[in-house]
Amino acid sequence: MKVRDPICGMEIERDRAADRRTRDGRTYYFCATACAQRFDASFRANARVETDGQRTAEGPVDREEEGRRREYRTLMRKFWFSALISVPVVLFSYPWLVPGLRDVPWLARGSDTLLWVWRGLGLLTLPVLLWGGSQFYSGLWAAAKARSANMHTLIGVGITAAWLYSTVAVIWPGVFPEPELAEVYYDVTAVVTALVVLGMALEIKARGRTSEALKKLIRLQAKTARVVREIGGSSGRE
């Protein structure tokens, strides 16, 4: 039976969940220990609130909403960081296609200087891979433990393969049978990470708006109701 992680929204097999918590008679399942820890932190921070002089437990919807807000802020920071790194990476990955750079002698295709520039791009994209794409690896690992694959598996394998291929090309270009094969794809690592992280952030924001709209709709329902019944040929009210 599949269940949804309340923190990241990932669908997992209930029996293969990395962790679980029970709150207010309801059991929550998590794809990774990190999600369970964020759930615990949110619960401790918002466990009880003062409302009309009575202490009441805050519902799981509110904790999930707070978790979504934190996750959105984190993803947006990762997006802006990855996007900022992507600009020089794209420009210097293909300088012969960029006006103003194509005529620079030391950036000529096949030059030793360009090879060193590409090595610098490898170092520049490494934090994008490890920090900007960290959620892909945690999701990949959780899916691997469940013997399944998901979007995180696809993205994690893709950006890692692009980075490793490019690194081999700039450190050991001689291993390729043709010089044309020793190209770099660091731009794929940076740009794909930035775009997918942005998509995840927008999805979380949209999900939060939907949840808020549903809560507002629920608050519109009547607190009391009056029933009118026909009694003995005359109308009566209860």
C-alpha atoms as a PDB file:
ATOM      1  CA  MET A   1       0.000   0.000   0.000  1.00  0.00           C
ATOM      2  CA  LYS A   2       1.390   3.392  -0.992  1.00  0.00           C
ATOM      3  CA  VAL A   3       1.337   6.394   1.331  1.00  0.00           C
ATOM      4  CA  ARG A   4       2.514   9.990   0.951  1.00  0.00           C
ATOM      5  CA  ASP A   5       5.321  11.568   2.948  1.00  0.00           C
ATOM      6  CA  PRO A   6       3.719  14.646   4.642  1.00  0.00           C
ATOM      7  CA  ILE A   7       6.946  16.654   4.391  1.00  0.00           C
ATOM      8  CA  CYS A   8       8.236  16.173   0.836  1.00  0.00           C
ATOM      9  CA  GLY A   9       5.097  14.686  -0.728  1.00  0.00           C
ATOM     10  CA  MET A  10       6.883  11.612  -2.086  1.00  0.00           C
ATOM     11  CA  GLU A  11       4.824   8.443  -2.490  1.00  0.00           C
ATOM     12  CA  ILE A  12       6.351   5.395  -0.797  1.00  0.00           C
ATOM     13  CA  GLU A  13       5.381   1.855   0.094  1.00  0.00           C
ATOM     14  CA  ARG A  14       4.081   1.874   3.674  1.00  0.00           C
ATOM     15  CA  ASP A  15       6.004  -1.280   4.626  1.00  0.00           C
ATOM     16  CA  ARG A  16       9.262   0.166   3.260  1.00  0.00           C
ATOM     17  CA  ALA A  17       9.049   3.582   4.912  1.00  0.00           C
ATOM     18  CA  ALA A  18      12.339   4.805   6.363  1.00  0.00           C
ATOM     19  CA  ASP A  19      10.576   6.073   9.495  1.00  0.00           C
ATOM     20  CA  ARG A  20       7.110   6.688  10.911  1.00  0.00           C
ATOM     21  CA  ARG A  21       5.423   8.816  13.576  1.00  0.00           C
ATOM     22  CA  THR A  22       2.029   8.637  15.293  1.00  0.00           C
ATOM     23  CA  ARG A  23       0.340  11.913  16.205  1.00  0.00           C
ATOM     24  CA  ASP A  24      -3.252  12.393  17.398  1.00  0.00           C
ATOM     25  CA  GLY A  25      -4.109   8.799  16.533  1.00  0.00           C
ATOM     26  CA  ARG A  26      -2.795   9.102  12.975  1.00  0.00           C
ATOM     27  CA  THR A  27       0.369   7.452  11.642  1.00  0.00           C
ATOM     28  CA  TYR A  28       2.653   9.371   9.267  1.00  0.00           C
ATOM     29  CA  TYR A  29       5.194   7.614   7.053  1.00  0.00           C
ATOM     30  CA  PHE A  30       8.449   9.142   5.777  1.00  0.00           C
ATOM     31  CA  CYS A  31      10.712   8.397   2.817  1.00  0.00           C
ATOM     32  CA  ALA A  32      13.847   9.389   4.739  1.00  0.00           C
ATOM     33  CA  THR A  33      14.952  10.042   8.322  1.00  0.00           C
ATOM     34  CA  ALA A  34      15.528  13.706   7.441  1.00  0.00           C
ATOM     35  CA  CYS A  35      11.808  14.148   6.683  1.00  0.00           C
ATOM     36  CA  ALA A  36      10.894  12.520   9.991  1.00  0.00           C
ATOM     37  CA  GLN A  37      13.258  14.865  11.825  1.00  0.00           C
ATOM     38  CA  ARG A  38      11.706  17.917  10.147  1.00  0.00           C
ATOM     39  CA  PHE A  39       8.279  16.609  11.146  1.00  0.00           C
ATOM     40  CA  ASP A  40       9.430  16.236  14.781  1.00  0.00           C
ATOM     41  CA  ALA A  41      10.906  19.743  14.809  1.00  0.00           C
ATOM     42  CA  SER A  42       7.678  21.207  13.454  1.00  0.00           C
ATOM     43  CA  PHE A  43       5.610  19.265  15.987  1.00  0.00           C
ATOM     44  CA  ARG A  44       7.734  20.445  18.925  1.00  0.00           C
ATOM     45  CA  ALA A  45       7.547  24.067  17.766  1.00  0.00           C
ATOM     46  CA  ASN A  46       3.794  24.047  17.195  1.00  0.00           C
ATOM     47  CA  ALA A  47       2.560  21.269  19.426  1.00  0.00           C
ATOM     48  CA  ARG A  48       0.249  23.474  21.505  1.00  0.00           C
ATOM     49  CA  VAL A  49      -1.210  26.924  21.017  1.00  0.00           C
ATOM     50  CA  GLU A  50      -3.330  29.175  23.213  1.00  0.00           C
ATOM     51  CA  THR A  51      -6.831  29.685  21.723  1.00  0.00           C
ATOM     52  CA  ASP A  52      -9.677  31.475  23.614  1.00  0.00           C
ATOM     53  CA  GLY A  53      -8.117  30.643  26.954  1.00  0.00           C
ATOM     54  CA  GLN A  54      -7.933  26.918  26.230  1.00  0.00           C
ATOM     55  CA  ARG A  55      -4.831  24.934  25.286  1.00  0.00           C
ATOM     56  CA  THR A  56      -5.524  22.927  22.148  1.00  0.00           C
ATOM     57  CA  ALA A  57      -3.309  20.784  19.983  1.00  0.00           C
ATOM     58  CA  GLU A  58      -2.494  22.243  16.584  1.00  0.00           C
ATOM     59  CA  GLY A  59      -3.686  19.975  13.805  1.00  0.00           C
ATOM     60  CA  PRO A  60      -1.425  18.041  11.450  1.00  0.00           C
ATOM     61  CA  VAL A  61      -2.511  20.247   8.535  1.00  0.00           C
ATOM     62  CA  ASP A  62      -0.871  23.282  10.175  1.00  0.00           C
ATOM     63  CA  ARG A  63       2.342  21.375  10.825  1.00  0.00           C
ATOM     64  CA  GLU A  64       2.400  20.174   7.251  1.00  0.00           C
ATOM     65  CA  GLU A  65       1.860  23.733   6.025  1.00  0.00           C
ATOM     66  CA  GLU A  66       4.767  25.002   8.102  1.00  0.00           C
ATOM     67  CA  GLY A  67       6.928  22.194   6.753  1.00  0.00           C
ATOM     68  CA  ARG A  68       5.941  23.155   3.204  1.00  0.00           C
ATOM     69  CA  ARG A  69       6.900  26.777   3.820  1.00  0.00           C
ATOM     70  CA  ARG A  70      10.339  25.822   5.097  1.00  0.00           C
ATOM     71  CA  GLU A  71      10.852  23.420   2.213  1.00  0.00           C
ATOM     72  CA  TYR A  72       9.819  26.127  -0.276  1.00  0.00           C
ATOM     73  CA  ARG A  73      12.281  28.644   1.157  1.00  0.00           C
ATOM     74  CA  THR A  74      15.086  26.076   1.066  1.00  0.00           C
ATOM     75  CA  LEU A  75      14.333  25.099  -2.525  1.00  0.00           C
ATOM     76  CA  MET A  76      14.218  28.723  -3.667  1.00  0.00           C
ATOM     77  CA  ARG A  77      17.634  29.374  -2.102  1.00  0.00           C
ATOM     78  CA  LYS A  78      18.963  26.346  -3.956  1.00  0.00           C
ATOM     79  CA  PHE A  79      17.373  27.560  -7.187  1.00  0.00           C
ATOM     80  CA  TRP A  80      18.904  31.041  -7.057  1.00  0.00           C
ATOM     81  CA  PHE A  81      22.297  29.607  -6.151  1.00  0.00           C
ATOM     82  CA  SER A  82      22.170  27.069  -9.008  1.00  0.00           C
ATOM     83  CA  ALA A  83      20.869  29.671 -11.475  1.00  0.00           C
ATOM     84  CA  LEU A  84      23.676  32.073 -10.571  1.00  0.00           C
ATOM     85  CA  ILE A  85      26.275  29.367 -11.129  1.00  0.00           C
ATOM     86  CA  SER A  86      24.611  28.328 -14.389  1.00  0.00           C
ATOM     87  CA  VAL A  87      25.296  31.643 -16.134  1.00  0.00           C
ATOM     88  CA  PRO A  88      29.129  31.461 -16.308  1.00  0.00           C
ATOM     89  CA  VAL A  89      29.001  27.688 -16.733  1.00  0.00           C
ATOM     90  CA  VAL A  90      26.842  27.945 -19.870  1.00  0.00           C
ATOM     91  CA  LEU A  91      28.899  30.832 -21.301  1.00  0.00           C
ATOM     92  CA  PHE A  92      32.288  29.190 -20.849  1.00  0.00           C
ATOM     93  CA  SER A  93      31.193  25.673 -21.753  1.00  0.00           C
ATOM     94  CA  TYR A  94      30.696  26.821 -25.361  1.00  0.00           C
ATOM     95  CA  PRO A  95      32.639  30.093 -25.735  1.00  0.00           C
ATOM     96  CA  TRP A  96      32.913  29.652 -29.520  1.00  0.00           C
ATOM     97  CA  LEU A  97      29.131  30.164 -29.719  1.00  0.00           C
ATOM     98  CA  VAL A  98      29.006  33.302 -27.561  1.00  0.00           C
ATOM     99  CA  PRO A  99      29.516  36.717 -29.200  1.00  0.00           C
ATOM    100  CA  GLY A 100      32.402  38.490 -27.503  1.00  0.00           C
ATOM    101  CA  LEU A 101      34.021  35.237 -26.381  1.00  0.00           C
ATOM    102  CA  ARG A 102      34.388  33.475 -29.717  1.00  0.00           C
ATOM    103  CA  ASP A 103      37.222  35.798 -30.742  1.00  0.00           C
ATOM    104  CA  VAL A 104      39.230  35.412 -27.512  1.00  0.00           C
ATOM    105  CA  PRO A 105      42.367  33.435 -28.481  1.00  0.00           C
ATOM    106  CA  TRP A 106      42.828  31.635 -25.169  1.00  0.00           C
ATOM    107  CA  LEU A 107      39.233  30.369 -25.336  1.00  0.00           C
ATOM    108  CA  ALA A 108      39.708  28.757 -28.735  1.00  0.00           C
ATOM    109  CA  ARG A 109      38.244  25.286 -29.033  1.00  0.00           C
ATOM    110  CA  GLY A 110      40.850  22.636 -28.206  1.00  0.00           C
ATOM    111  CA  SER A 111      43.253  25.039 -26.466  1.00  0.00           C
ATOM    112  CA  ASP A 112      44.976  24.097 -23.223  1.00  0.00           C
ATOM    113  CA  THR A 113      43.689  27.257 -21.581  1.00  0.00           C
ATOM    114  CA  LEU A 114      40.084  26.328 -22.319  1.00  0.00           C
ATOM    115  CA  LEU A 115      40.741  22.929 -20.774  1.00  0.00           C
ATOM    116  CA  TRP A 116      41.785  24.629 -17.529  1.00  0.00           C
ATOM    117  CA  VAL A 117      38.696  26.851 -17.690  1.00  0.00           C
ATOM    118  CA  TRP A 118      36.566  23.724 -17.988  1.00  0.00           C
ATOM    119  CA  ARG A 119      38.297  22.231 -14.965  1.00  0.00           C
ATOM    120  CA  GLY A 120      37.341  25.356 -13.055  1.00  0.00           C
ATOM    121  CA  LEU A 121      33.737  24.879 -14.164  1.00  0.00           C
ATOM    122  CA  GLY A 122      33.860  21.390 -12.695  1.00  0.00           C
ATOM    123  CA  LEU A 123      34.759  22.812  -9.296  1.00  0.00           C
ATOM    124  CA  LEU A 124      32.146  25.546  -9.695  1.00  0.00           C
ATOM    125  CA  THR A 125      29.324  23.086 -10.351  1.00  0.00           C
ATOM    126  CA  LEU A 126      30.299  20.691  -7.565  1.00  0.00           C
ATOM    127  CA  PRO A 127      28.335  22.573  -4.829  1.00  0.00           C
ATOM    128  CA  VAL A 128      25.353  22.727  -7.195  1.00  0.00           C
ATOM    129  CA  LEU A 129      25.545  18.954  -7.525  1.00  0.00           C
ATOM    130  CA  LEU A 130      26.019  18.196  -3.827  1.00  0.00           C
ATOM    131  CA  TRP A 131      23.917  20.944  -2.190  1.00  0.00           C
ATOM    132  CA  GLY A 132      21.516  22.142  -4.869  1.00  0.00           C
ATOM    133  CA  GLY A 133      20.692  18.562  -5.808  1.00  0.00           C
ATOM    134  CA  SER A 134      20.917  16.999  -2.347  1.00  0.00           C
ATOM    135  CA  GLN A 135      17.179  16.227  -2.254  1.00  0.00           C
ATOM    136  CA  PHE A 136      17.566  14.145  -5.407  1.00  0.00           C
ATOM    137  CA  TYR A 137      20.098  11.872  -3.717  1.00  0.00           C
ATOM    138  CA  SER A 138      18.040  11.427  -0.555  1.00  0.00           C
ATOM    139  CA  GLY A 139      15.000  10.589  -2.683  1.00  0.00           C
ATOM    140  CA  LEU A 140      17.101   8.284  -4.872  1.00  0.00           C
ATOM    141  CA  TRP A 141      18.399   6.418  -1.827  1.00  0.00           C
ATOM    142  CA  ALA A 142      14.913   6.079  -0.335  1.00  0.00           C
ATOM    143  CA  ALA A 143      13.604   4.727  -3.639  1.00  0.00           C
ATOM    144  CA  ALA A 144      16.526   2.320  -3.924  1.00  0.00           C
ATOM    145  CA  LYS A 145      15.807   0.940  -0.447  1.00  0.00           C
ATOM    146  CA  ALA A 146      12.209   0.416  -1.545  1.00  0.00           C
ATOM    147  CA  ARG A 147      13.489  -1.291  -4.720  1.00  0.00           C
ATOM    148  CA  SER A 148      11.784   1.240  -6.938  1.00  0.00           C
ATOM    149  CA  ALA A 149      12.621   4.329  -8.991  1.00  0.00           C
ATOM    150  CA  ASN A 150      11.104   7.793  -9.176  1.00  0.00           C
ATOM    151  CA  MET A 151      11.793  11.291 -10.455  1.00  0.00           C
ATOM    152  CA  HIS A 152      14.633  11.716  -7.963  1.00  0.00           C
ATOM    153  CA  THR A 153      16.307   8.630  -9.395  1.00  0.00           C
ATOM    154  CA  LEU A 154      16.106  10.006 -12.938  1.00  0.00           C
ATOM    155  CA  ILE A 155      17.408  13.476 -12.068  1.00  0.00           C
ATOM    156  CA  GLY A 156      20.071  12.259  -9.631  1.00  0.00           C
ATOM    157  CA  VAL A 157      21.522   9.751 -12.088  1.00  0.00           C
ATOM    158  CA  GLY A 158      21.355  12.256 -14.954  1.00  0.00           C
ATOM    159  CA  ILE A 159      23.149  15.184 -13.330  1.00  0.00           C
ATOM    160  CA  THR A 160      25.736  12.876 -11.750  1.00  0.00           C
ATOM    161  CA  ALA A 161      26.471  11.184 -15.079  1.00  0.00           C
ATOM    162  CA  ALA A 162      26.886  14.567 -16.787  1.00  0.00           C
ATOM    163  CA  TRP A 163      29.295  15.783 -14.102  1.00  0.00           C
ATOM    164  CA  LEU A 164      31.359  12.576 -14.026  1.00  0.00           C
ATOM    165  CA  TYR A 165      31.612  12.376 -17.820  1.00  0.00           C
ATOM    166  CA  SER A 166      32.746  16.007 -17.987  1.00  0.00           C
ATOM    167  CA  THR A 167      35.303  15.503 -15.223  1.00  0.00           C
ATOM    168  CA  VAL A 168      36.826  12.510 -16.991  1.00  0.00           C
ATOM    169  CA  ALA A 169      36.935  14.571 -20.211  1.00  0.00           C
ATOM    170  CA  VAL A 170      38.923  17.427 -18.612  1.00  0.00           C
ATOM    171  CA  ILE A 171      41.268  15.296 -16.495  1.00  0.00           C
ATOM    172  CA  TRP A 172      41.902  12.340 -18.818  1.00  0.00           C
ATOM    173  CA  PRO A 173      40.917  13.506 -22.314  1.00  0.00           C
ATOM    174  CA  GLY A 174      43.204  10.876 -23.834  1.00  0.00           C
ATOM    175  CA  VAL A 175      40.880   8.027 -22.826  1.00  0.00           C
ATOM    176  CA  PHE A 176      38.420   9.056 -25.547  1.00  0.00           C
ATOM    177  CA  PRO A 177      38.995   7.601 -29.020  1.00  0.00           C
ATOM    178  CA  GLU A 178      38.107  10.913 -30.705  1.00  0.00           C
ATOM    179  CA  PRO A 179      38.981  14.413 -29.416  1.00  0.00           C
ATOM    180  CA  GLU A 180      35.446  15.569 -30.225  1.00  0.00           C
ATOM    181  CA  LEU A 181      34.103  13.187 -27.574  1.00  0.00           C
ATOM    182  CA  ALA A 182      36.047  14.944 -24.806  1.00  0.00           C
ATOM    183  CA  GLU A 183      33.353  17.596 -24.340  1.00  0.00           C
ATOM    184  CA  VAL A 184      31.991  18.949 -21.079  1.00  0.00           C
ATOM    185  CA  TYR A 185      28.382  18.927 -19.906  1.00  0.00           C
ATOM    186  CA  TYR A 186      28.699  20.836 -16.660  1.00  0.00           C
ATOM    187  CA  ASP A 187      25.973  23.129 -17.975  1.00  0.00           C
ATOM    188  CA  VAL A 188      23.571  20.183 -17.896  1.00  0.00           C
ATOM    189  CA  THR A 189      24.324  19.601 -14.218  1.00  0.00           C
ATOM    190  CA  ALA A 190      23.780  23.244 -13.275  1.00  0.00           C
ATOM    191  CA  VAL A 191      20.826  24.130 -15.513  1.00  0.00           C
ATOM    192  CA  VAL A 192      18.836  20.927 -14.987  1.00  0.00           C
ATOM    193  CA  THR A 193      19.318  21.172 -11.216  1.00  0.00           C
ATOM    194  CA  ALA A 194      18.141  24.792 -11.197  1.00  0.00           C
ATOM    195  CA  LEU A 195      15.064  24.137 -13.347  1.00  0.00           C
ATOM    196  CA  VAL A 196      13.925  20.997 -11.527  1.00  0.00           C
ATOM    197  CA  VAL A 197      14.421  22.603  -8.114  1.00  0.00           C
ATOM    198  CA  LEU A 198      12.362  25.594  -9.293  1.00  0.00           C
ATOM    199  CA  GLY A 199       9.638  23.229 -10.454  1.00  0.00           C
ATOM    200  CA  MET A 200       9.617  21.472  -7.079  1.00  0.00           C
ATOM    201  CA  ALA A 201       9.359  24.820  -5.277  1.00  0.00           C
ATOM    202  CA  LEU A 202       6.448  25.973  -7.450  1.00  0.00           C
ATOM    203  CA  GLU A 203       4.706  22.644  -6.892  1.00  0.00           C
ATOM    204  CA  ILE A 204       5.020  23.031  -3.124  1.00  0.00           C
ATOM    205  CA  LYS A 205       3.693  26.603  -3.310  1.00  0.00           C
ATOM    206  CA  ALA A 206       0.724  25.526  -5.428  1.00  0.00           C
ATOM    207  CA  ARG A 207      -0.020  22.674  -3.042  1.00  0.00           C
ATOM    208  CA  GLY A 208       0.046  25.117  -0.133  1.00  0.00           C
ATOM    209  CA  ARG A 209      -2.387  27.464  -1.879  1.00  0.00           C
ATOM    210  CA  THR A 210      -4.751  24.573  -2.570  1.00  0.00           C
ATOM    211  CA  SER A 211      -4.593  23.519   1.075  1.00  0.00           C
ATOM    212  CA  GLU A 212      -5.284  27.082   2.230  1.00  0.00           C
ATOM    213  CA  ALA A 213      -8.239  27.386  -0.144  1.00  0.00           C
ATOM    214  CA  LEU A 214      -9.700  24.140   1.196  1.00  0.00           C
ATOM    215  CA  LYS A 215      -9.310  25.333   4.789  1.00  0.00           C
ATOM    216  CA  LYS A 216     -11.084  28.608   3.951  1.00  0.00           C
ATOM    217  CA  LEU A 217     -13.877  26.652   2.297  1.00  0.00           C
ATOM    218  CA  ILE A 218     -14.262  24.444   5.354  1.00  0.00           C
ATOM    219  CA  ARG A 219     -14.463  27.513   7.606  1.00  0.00           C
ATOM    220  CA  LEU A 220     -17.453  28.727   5.570  1.00  0.00           C
ATOM    221  CA  GLN A 221     -19.637  25.827   6.633  1.00  0.00           C
ATOM    222  CA  ALA A 222     -22.451  26.618   9.056  1.00  0.00           C
ATOM    223  CA  LYS A 223     -21.802  26.033  12.745  1.00  0.00           C
ATOM    224  CA  THR A 224     -25.479  25.258  13.476  1.00  0.00           C
ATOM    225  CA  ALA A 225     -28.460  24.156  11.391  1.00  0.00           C
ATOM    226  CA  ARG A 226     -32.218  24.402  11.812  1.00  0.00           C
ATOM    227  CA  VAL A 227     -34.373  21.544  10.539  1.00  0.00           C
ATOM    228  CA  VAL A 228     -37.971  22.198   9.450  1.00  0.00           C
ATOM    229  CA  ARG A 229     -40.247  19.142   9.464  1.00  0.00           C
ATOM    230  CA  GLU A 230     -43.923  18.674   8.595  1.00  0.00           C
ATOM    231  CA  ILE A 231     -45.773  17.567  11.805  1.00  0.00           C
ATOM    232  CA  GLY A 232     -49.474  16.688  11.695  1.00  0.00           C
ATOM    233  CA  GLY A 233     -50.210  18.802   8.669  1.00  0.00           C
ATOM    234  CA  SER A 234     -48.416  21.836  10.115  1.00  0.00           C
ATOM    235  CA  SER A 235     -44.826  22.812   9.905  1.00  0.00           C
ATOM    236  CA  GLY A 236     -42.690  22.546  12.952  1.00  0.00           C
ATOM    237  CA  ARG A 237     -39.156  23.670  13.680  1.00  0.00           C
ATOM    238  CA  GLU A 238     -36.363  21.993  15.600  1.00  0.00           C
END
